[in-house]
Amino acid sequence: MSGQARWFMPFLVLILLVAGCSYEEQSASGEMPEMIRVKLMMPDKAKVNEEVALQIKLTQGEQPVNDADHVQFQVWNEQDEPEAPSFDQGMMSAEELESRGATKAVSIGDGIYEVKHAFQEPGVYVVQAHVTSGAMHTMPRTKVTVE
């Protein structure tokens, strides 16, 4: 090996080592945040004209999320499923959801968001929560039987 090659080889190894370590540090700091989790908390049954609490508990990891961007509830009779937006329209904004009857939920602390609702007629209703927190969006749903 010539004199230049002997000097250059350790220098090249050092550069590769430093670049590899900084890549690992960058990957560790650029990790995806933990997914938000939504737990639906509402009765399975309700009575006509009786006000019930429609609630969700929102967590990320083990921590409650009290500062979600948007939390809304949409309620409809299962026989009257609203038309889903077309693929070209993409996800509806909070304003579009409100124009379709969604109700904005209020944070009551500990990651719990709530809307009070009274069902006007008997039937089976779908209750869907629309939750946006940062770049994450989820739309869990459940059914409530009203007698």
N, C-alpha and C. Protein backbone atom coordinates (compact mmCIF):
# COMPACT_ATOMS: atom_id res chain seq x y z
N MET A 1 0.84 -1.18 0.00
CA MET A 1 0.00 0.00 0.00
C MET A 1 0.88 1.24 0.00
N SER A 2 0.48 2.22 -0.77
CA SER A 2 1.26 3.45 -0.81
C SER A 2 1.00 4.27 0.44
N GLY A 3 1.78 5.27 0.67
CA GLY A 3 1.66 6.11 1.85
C GLY A 3 0.32 6.84 1.91
N GLN A 4 -0.15 7.29 0.76
CA GLN A 4 -1.44 7.98 0.75
C GLN A 4 -2.59 7.04 1.08
N ALA A 5 -2.57 5.83 0.57
CA ALA A 5 -3.65 4.87 0.81
C ALA A 5 -3.71 4.48 2.29
N ARG A 6 -2.50 4.33 2.94
CA ARG A 6 -2.50 3.99 4.36
C ARG A 6 -3.08 5.12 5.21
N TRP A 7 -2.88 6.32 4.83
CA TRP A 7 -3.44 7.46 5.55
C TRP A 7 -4.94 7.62 5.27
N PHE A 8 -5.35 7.36 4.03
CA PHE A 8 -6.72 7.57 3.62
C PHE A 8 -7.67 6.52 4.19
N MET A 9 -7.25 5.27 4.30
CA MET A 9 -8.11 4.17 4.76
C MET A 9 -8.65 4.40 6.18
N PRO A 10 -7.85 4.73 7.18
CA PRO A 10 -8.41 4.99 8.52
C PRO A 10 -9.36 6.21 8.52
N PHE A 11 -9.04 7.19 7.71
CA PHE A 11 -9.89 8.38 7.60
C PHE A 11 -11.27 8.01 7.03
N LEU A 12 -11.28 7.16 6.02
CA LEU A 12 -12.52 6.69 5.41
C LEU A 12 -13.36 5.88 6.41
N VAL A 13 -12.70 5.01 7.17
CA VAL A 13 -13.40 4.22 8.19
C VAL A 13 -14.01 5.15 9.25
N LEU A 14 -13.28 6.17 9.65
CA LEU A 14 -13.78 7.12 10.64
C LEU A 14 -15.02 7.87 10.11
N ILE A 15 -14.99 8.29 8.87
CA ILE A 15 -16.14 8.98 8.27
C ILE A 15 -17.35 8.07 8.24
N LEU A 16 -17.17 6.82 7.82
CA LEU A 16 -18.29 5.88 7.77
C LEU A 16 -18.85 5.60 9.15
N LEU A 17 -18.00 5.50 10.14
CA LEU A 17 -18.43 5.26 11.51
C LEU A 17 -19.25 6.44 12.04
N VAL A 18 -18.79 7.66 11.82
CA VAL A 18 -19.50 8.85 12.27
C VAL A 18 -20.83 8.98 11.54
N ALA A 19 -20.84 8.73 10.25
CA ALA A 19 -22.09 8.82 9.47
C ALA A 19 -23.09 7.78 9.96
N GLY A 20 -22.64 6.58 10.24
CA GLY A 20 -23.52 5.52 10.73
C GLY A 20 -24.12 5.86 12.08
N CYS A 21 -23.32 6.42 12.98
CA CYS A 21 -23.84 6.79 14.30
C CYS A 21 -24.85 7.92 14.19
N SER A 22 -24.60 8.90 13.36
CA SER A 22 -25.55 10.01 13.25
C SER A 22 -26.83 9.54 12.58
N TYR A 23 -26.79 8.55 11.70
CA TYR A 23 -27.99 8.00 11.09
C TYR A 23 -28.85 7.32 12.16
N GLU A 24 -28.20 6.55 13.07
CA GLU A 24 -28.95 5.90 14.14
C GLU A 24 -29.61 6.92 15.05
N GLU A 25 -28.89 8.00 15.39
CA GLU A 25 -29.46 9.03 16.24
C GLU A 25 -30.65 9.70 15.55
N GLN A 26 -30.52 9.95 14.25
CA GLN A 26 -31.59 10.58 13.51
C GLN A 26 -32.80 9.66 13.44
N SER A 27 -32.59 8.37 13.25
CA SER A 27 -33.70 7.42 13.20
C SER A 27 -34.41 7.36 14.54
N ALA A 28 -33.65 7.37 15.62
CA ALA A 28 -34.26 7.29 16.96
C ALA A 28 -35.10 8.52 17.24
N SER A 29 -34.64 9.69 16.84
CA SER A 29 -35.39 10.91 17.12
C SER A 29 -36.53 11.10 16.13
N GLY A 30 -36.49 10.45 14.98
CA GLY A 30 -37.52 10.61 13.97
C GLY A 30 -38.54 9.48 13.98
N GLU A 31 -38.66 8.79 15.12
CA GLU A 31 -39.60 7.68 15.21
C GLU A 31 -41.03 8.17 15.08
N MET A 32 -41.88 7.29 14.57
CA MET A 32 -43.31 7.60 14.47
C MET A 32 -43.88 7.71 15.88
N PRO A 33 -44.72 8.70 16.12
CA PRO A 33 -45.36 8.78 17.44
C PRO A 33 -46.32 7.62 17.60
N GLU A 34 -46.59 7.28 18.85
CA GLU A 34 -47.51 6.19 19.13
C GLU A 34 -48.91 6.57 18.63
N MET A 35 -49.65 5.58 18.16
CA MET A 35 -50.99 5.80 17.63
C MET A 35 -51.93 6.27 18.75
N ILE A 36 -52.90 7.08 18.36
CA ILE A 36 -53.94 7.45 19.32
C ILE A 36 -54.92 6.28 19.42
N ARG A 37 -55.44 6.09 20.60
CA ARG A 37 -56.43 5.03 20.82
C ARG A 37 -57.72 5.67 21.31
N VAL A 38 -58.81 5.17 20.78
CA VAL A 38 -60.12 5.69 21.14
C VAL A 38 -60.94 4.57 21.75
N LYS A 39 -61.39 4.79 22.96
CA LYS A 39 -62.28 3.83 23.61
C LYS A 39 -63.67 4.46 23.66
N LEU A 40 -64.63 3.82 23.00
CA LEU A 40 -66.01 4.30 23.01
C LEU A 40 -66.64 3.97 24.35
N MET A 41 -67.29 4.95 24.96
CA MET A 41 -67.92 4.76 26.27
C MET A 41 -69.34 5.32 26.20
N MET A 42 -70.28 4.44 25.87
CA MET A 42 -71.67 4.86 25.78
C MET A 42 -72.57 3.66 26.04
N PRO A 43 -73.82 3.91 26.37
CA PRO A 43 -74.70 2.79 26.68
C PRO A 43 -75.03 1.98 25.43
N ASP A 44 -75.32 0.69 25.62
CA ASP A 44 -75.78 -0.17 24.52
C ASP A 44 -77.25 0.09 24.24
N LYS A 45 -77.98 0.54 25.29
CA LYS A 45 -79.41 0.80 25.17
C LYS A 45 -79.75 2.15 25.75
N ALA A 46 -80.79 2.77 25.18
CA ALA A 46 -81.27 4.06 25.68
C ALA A 46 -82.77 4.11 25.48
N LYS A 47 -83.40 5.07 26.14
CA LYS A 47 -84.84 5.27 26.00
C LYS A 47 -85.10 6.51 25.16
N VAL A 48 -86.22 6.50 24.46
CA VAL A 48 -86.62 7.65 23.64
C VAL A 48 -86.68 8.89 24.52
N ASN A 49 -86.13 10.00 24.02
CA ASN A 49 -86.11 11.32 24.67
C ASN A 49 -85.32 11.38 25.98
N GLU A 50 -84.58 10.34 26.29
CA GLU A 50 -83.74 10.34 27.49
C GLU A 50 -82.33 10.81 27.08
N GLU A 51 -81.84 11.84 27.77
CA GLU A 51 -80.51 12.35 27.44
C GLU A 51 -79.45 11.39 27.95
N VAL A 52 -78.54 11.00 27.07
CA VAL A 52 -77.44 10.11 27.44
C VAL A 52 -76.12 10.78 27.07
N ALA A 53 -75.07 10.36 27.74
CA ALA A 53 -73.72 10.87 27.45
C ALA A 53 -73.05 9.94 26.45
N LEU A 54 -72.66 10.50 25.32
CA LEU A 54 -71.85 9.78 24.35
C LEU A 54 -70.41 10.21 24.61
N GLN A 55 -69.56 9.28 25.02
CA GLN A 55 -68.20 9.63 25.42
C GLN A 55 -67.17 8.74 24.73
N ILE A 56 -65.98 9.31 24.61
CA ILE A 56 -64.80 8.53 24.21
C ILE A 56 -63.69 8.85 25.19
N LYS A 57 -62.76 7.92 25.33
CA LYS A 57 -61.53 8.18 26.09
C LYS A 57 -60.41 8.10 25.08
N LEU A 58 -59.64 9.15 24.98
CA LEU A 58 -58.58 9.27 23.98
C LEU A 58 -57.22 9.20 24.68
N THR A 59 -56.40 8.24 24.26
CA THR A 59 -55.06 8.09 24.84
C THR A 59 -54.03 7.93 23.73
N GLN A 60 -52.80 8.24 24.08
CA GLN A 60 -51.65 8.01 23.22
C GLN A 60 -50.60 7.39 24.13
N GLY A 61 -50.32 6.11 23.88
CA GLY A 61 -49.50 5.36 24.83
C GLY A 61 -50.35 5.18 26.08
N GLU A 62 -49.81 5.52 27.22
CA GLU A 62 -50.56 5.43 28.48
C GLU A 62 -51.12 6.79 28.91
N GLN A 63 -50.84 7.84 28.13
CA GLN A 63 -51.21 9.19 28.53
C GLN A 63 -52.54 9.63 27.92
N PRO A 64 -53.41 10.28 28.72
CA PRO A 64 -54.65 10.82 28.15
C PRO A 64 -54.33 11.99 27.22
N VAL A 65 -55.14 12.14 26.18
CA VAL A 65 -54.98 13.25 25.23
C VAL A 65 -56.14 14.22 25.47
N ASN A 66 -55.80 15.40 25.98
CA ASN A 66 -56.81 16.42 26.29
C ASN A 66 -56.81 17.56 25.29
N ASP A 67 -55.94 17.48 24.27
CA ASP A 67 -55.82 18.59 23.33
C ASP A 67 -55.96 18.13 21.88
N ALA A 68 -56.90 17.21 21.63
CA ALA A 68 -57.14 16.75 20.26
C ALA A 68 -57.59 17.93 19.41
N ASP A 69 -57.27 17.89 18.12
CA ASP A 69 -57.65 18.98 17.22
C ASP A 69 -59.17 19.03 17.02
N HIS A 70 -59.78 17.87 16.76
CA HIS A 70 -61.22 17.80 16.54
C HIS A 70 -61.75 16.50 17.09
N VAL A 71 -62.83 16.57 17.85
CA VAL A 71 -63.57 15.38 18.28
C VAL A 71 -65.04 15.69 18.04
N GLN A 72 -65.67 14.87 17.20
CA GLN A 72 -67.08 15.07 16.85
C GLN A 72 -67.80 13.73 16.90
N PHE A 73 -69.09 13.79 17.16
CA PHE A 73 -69.94 12.60 17.13
C PHE A 73 -70.98 12.77 16.04
N GLN A 74 -71.18 11.72 15.28
CA GLN A 74 -72.20 11.70 14.26
C GLN A 74 -73.15 10.55 14.61
N VAL A 75 -74.46 10.81 14.60
CA VAL A 75 -75.46 9.81 15.00
C VAL A 75 -76.49 9.69 13.89
N TRP A 76 -76.82 8.45 13.51
CA TRP A 76 -77.88 8.24 12.53
C TRP A 76 -78.54 6.90 12.75
N ASN A 77 -79.80 6.80 12.31
CA ASN A 77 -80.51 5.53 12.35
C ASN A 77 -79.81 4.61 11.36
N GLU A 78 -79.59 3.36 11.75
CA GLU A 78 -78.82 2.45 10.88
C GLU A 78 -79.47 2.25 9.52
N GLN A 79 -80.76 2.55 9.41
CA GLN A 79 -81.44 2.43 8.12
C GLN A 79 -81.17 3.62 7.21
N ASP A 80 -80.59 4.68 7.77
CA ASP A 80 -80.35 5.92 7.01
C ASP A 80 -78.87 6.26 6.94
N GLU A 81 -78.04 5.30 6.60
CA GLU A 81 -76.59 5.51 6.53
C GLU A 81 -76.27 6.69 5.61
N PRO A 82 -75.53 7.69 6.12
CA PRO A 82 -75.19 8.82 5.25
C PRO A 82 -74.22 8.38 4.15
N GLU A 83 -74.29 9.08 3.06
CA GLU A 83 -73.42 8.77 1.93
C GLU A 83 -71.97 9.14 2.28
N ALA A 84 -71.09 8.20 2.02
CA ALA A 84 -69.67 8.45 2.28
C ALA A 84 -69.11 9.39 1.22
N PRO A 85 -68.09 10.18 1.57
CA PRO A 85 -67.49 11.05 0.55
C PRO A 85 -66.82 10.21 -0.52
N SER A 86 -66.76 10.74 -1.71
CA SER A 86 -66.10 10.02 -2.80
C SER A 86 -64.59 9.98 -2.55
N PHE A 87 -63.93 9.09 -3.23
CA PHE A 87 -62.48 8.95 -3.09
C PHE A 87 -61.79 10.27 -3.45
N ASP A 88 -62.31 10.96 -4.46
CA ASP A 88 -61.72 12.23 -4.91
C ASP A 88 -61.85 13.32 -3.85
N GLN A 89 -62.95 13.28 -3.07
CA GLN A 89 -63.16 14.28 -2.03
C GLN A 89 -62.21 14.10 -0.86
N GLY A 90 -61.81 12.87 -0.59
CA GLY A 90 -60.93 12.59 0.53
C GLY A 90 -61.68 12.73 1.85
N MET A 91 -60.93 12.92 2.92
CA MET A 91 -61.50 13.02 4.25
C MET A 91 -62.25 14.35 4.40
N MET A 92 -63.42 14.30 5.06
CA MET A 92 -64.20 15.51 5.28
C MET A 92 -63.58 16.35 6.39
N SER A 93 -63.68 17.64 6.24
CA SER A 93 -63.19 18.54 7.29
C SER A 93 -64.20 18.57 8.43
N ALA A 94 -63.80 19.15 9.56
CA ALA A 94 -64.69 19.28 10.71
C ALA A 94 -65.93 20.09 10.34
N GLU A 95 -65.76 21.10 9.51
CA GLU A 95 -66.88 21.94 9.09
C GLU A 95 -67.85 21.15 8.21
N GLU A 96 -67.32 20.32 7.31
CA GLU A 96 -68.18 19.50 6.46
C GLU A 96 -68.96 18.48 7.31
N LEU A 97 -68.29 17.91 8.31
CA LEU A 97 -68.98 16.97 9.19
C LEU A 97 -70.11 17.67 9.94
N GLU A 98 -69.85 18.88 10.44
CA GLU A 98 -70.89 19.63 11.15
C GLU A 98 -72.07 19.93 10.24
N SER A 99 -71.79 20.24 8.96
CA SER A 99 -72.88 20.51 8.02
C SER A 99 -73.71 19.26 7.77
N ARG A 100 -73.14 18.08 8.06
CA ARG A 100 -73.87 16.82 7.91
C ARG A 100 -74.45 16.34 9.25
N GLY A 101 -74.45 17.20 10.25
CA GLY A 101 -75.10 16.87 11.51
C GLY A 101 -74.19 16.40 12.62
N ALA A 102 -72.89 16.38 12.43
CA ALA A 102 -71.98 15.97 13.51
C ALA A 102 -71.97 17.05 14.60
N THR A 103 -71.79 16.62 15.83
CA THR A 103 -71.77 17.51 16.98
C THR A 103 -70.37 17.53 17.59
N LYS A 104 -69.87 18.73 17.84
CA LYS A 104 -68.54 18.87 18.44
C LYS A 104 -68.58 18.44 19.89
N ALA A 105 -67.62 17.60 20.28
CA ALA A 105 -67.53 17.11 21.66
C ALA A 105 -66.72 18.08 22.50
N VAL A 106 -66.94 17.99 23.80
CA VAL A 106 -66.25 18.84 24.76
C VAL A 106 -65.33 17.96 25.61
N SER A 107 -64.10 18.42 25.84
CA SER A 107 -63.18 17.70 26.72
C SER A 107 -63.61 17.94 28.16
N ILE A 108 -63.78 16.83 28.90
CA ILE A 108 -64.14 16.97 30.32
C ILE A 108 -62.97 16.52 31.22
N GLY A 109 -61.80 16.32 30.61
CA GLY A 109 -60.60 15.98 31.36
C GLY A 109 -60.27 14.50 31.32
N ASP A 110 -59.03 14.17 31.62
CA ASP A 110 -58.52 12.80 31.65
C ASP A 110 -58.69 12.09 30.31
N GLY A 111 -58.65 12.86 29.21
CA GLY A 111 -58.75 12.28 27.87
C GLY A 111 -60.17 11.93 27.46
N ILE A 112 -61.16 12.36 28.25
CA ILE A 112 -62.56 12.03 27.95
C ILE A 112 -63.23 13.22 27.26
N TYR A 113 -63.89 12.90 26.15
CA TYR A 113 -64.65 13.89 25.38
C TYR A 113 -66.11 13.44 25.37
N GLU A 114 -67.03 14.42 25.42
CA GLU A 114 -68.43 14.06 25.63
C GLU A 114 -69.38 14.95 24.83
N VAL A 115 -70.49 14.32 24.45
CA VAL A 115 -71.63 15.00 23.85
C VAL A 115 -72.87 14.43 24.54
N LYS A 116 -73.82 15.28 24.89
CA LYS A 116 -75.11 14.83 25.42
C LYS A 116 -76.06 14.70 24.23
N HIS A 117 -76.82 13.59 24.20
CA HIS A 117 -77.71 13.35 23.07
C HIS A 117 -78.99 12.66 23.53
N ALA A 118 -80.11 13.07 22.96
CA ALA A 118 -81.40 12.41 23.22
C ALA A 118 -81.92 11.86 21.89
N PHE A 119 -82.19 10.59 21.85
CA PHE A 119 -82.72 9.94 20.65
C PHE A 119 -84.22 10.20 20.58
N GLN A 120 -84.72 10.62 19.43
CA GLN A 120 -86.11 11.04 19.30
C GLN A 120 -87.07 9.91 18.96
N GLU A 121 -86.58 8.82 18.38
CA GLU A 121 -87.44 7.71 17.97
C GLU A 121 -86.78 6.38 18.31
N PRO A 122 -87.59 5.34 18.51
CA PRO A 122 -86.99 4.02 18.74
C PRO A 122 -86.29 3.52 17.48
N GLY A 123 -85.33 2.64 17.68
CA GLY A 123 -84.60 2.06 16.56
C GLY A 123 -83.18 1.74 16.97
N VAL A 124 -82.40 1.30 16.00
CA VAL A 124 -80.98 1.03 16.23
C VAL A 124 -80.22 2.17 15.56
N TYR A 125 -79.36 2.81 16.34
CA TYR A 125 -78.62 3.97 15.86
C TYR A 125 -77.12 3.66 15.82
N VAL A 126 -76.46 4.24 14.84
CA VAL A 126 -75.01 4.16 14.73
C VAL A 126 -74.44 5.45 15.31
N VAL A 127 -73.48 5.31 16.20
CA VAL A 127 -72.78 6.46 16.77
C VAL A 127 -71.33 6.34 16.33
N GLN A 128 -70.88 7.35 15.59
CA GLN A 128 -69.50 7.33 15.08
C GLN A 128 -68.76 8.55 15.61
N ALA A 129 -67.61 8.29 16.19
CA ALA A 129 -66.73 9.38 16.65
C ALA A 129 -65.74 9.69 15.54
N HIS A 130 -65.50 10.97 15.32
CA HIS A 130 -64.47 11.42 14.37
C HIS A 130 -63.43 12.13 15.20
N VAL A 131 -62.22 11.57 15.25
CA VAL A 131 -61.16 12.10 16.11
C VAL A 131 -59.94 12.43 15.26
N THR A 132 -59.49 13.69 15.36
CA THR A 132 -58.26 14.12 14.71
C THR A 132 -57.35 14.69 15.78
N SER A 133 -56.15 14.12 15.85
CA SER A 133 -55.15 14.60 16.80
C SER A 133 -53.81 14.60 16.08
N GLY A 134 -53.29 15.79 15.79
CA GLY A 134 -52.07 15.87 14.99
C GLY A 134 -52.36 15.34 13.59
N ALA A 135 -51.50 14.45 13.11
CA ALA A 135 -51.66 13.88 11.77
C ALA A 135 -52.51 12.62 11.79
N MET A 136 -53.00 12.23 12.96
CA MET A 136 -53.75 10.97 13.07
C MET A 136 -55.25 11.23 13.08
N HIS A 137 -55.97 10.35 12.39
CA HIS A 137 -57.43 10.45 12.33
C HIS A 137 -58.01 9.05 12.48
N THR A 138 -59.04 8.93 13.29
CA THR A 138 -59.71 7.64 13.48
C THR A 138 -61.21 7.88 13.60
N MET A 139 -62.00 6.87 13.20
CA MET A 139 -63.45 7.02 13.17
C MET A 139 -64.14 5.76 13.69
N PRO A 140 -63.99 5.42 14.97
CA PRO A 140 -64.66 4.23 15.49
C PRO A 140 -66.17 4.45 15.58
N ARG A 141 -66.89 3.35 15.52
CA ARG A 141 -68.35 3.44 15.63
C ARG A 141 -68.90 2.28 16.43
N THR A 142 -70.10 2.50 16.96
CA THR A 142 -70.81 1.47 17.70
C THR A 142 -72.30 1.68 17.47
N LYS A 143 -73.11 0.77 17.99
CA LYS A 143 -74.56 0.88 17.84
C LYS A 143 -75.23 1.02 19.21
N VAL A 144 -76.33 1.77 19.22
CA VAL A 144 -77.14 1.96 20.42
C VAL A 144 -78.58 1.62 20.05
N THR A 145 -79.19 0.75 20.83
CA THR A 145 -80.59 0.39 20.62
C THR A 145 -81.46 1.30 21.47
N VAL A 146 -82.42 1.97 20.83
CA VAL A 146 -83.31 2.91 21.52
C VAL A 146 -84.71 2.33 21.55
N GLU A 147 -85.26 2.25 22.77
CA GLU A 147 -86.61 1.68 22.96
C GLU A 147 -87.57 2.71 23.49
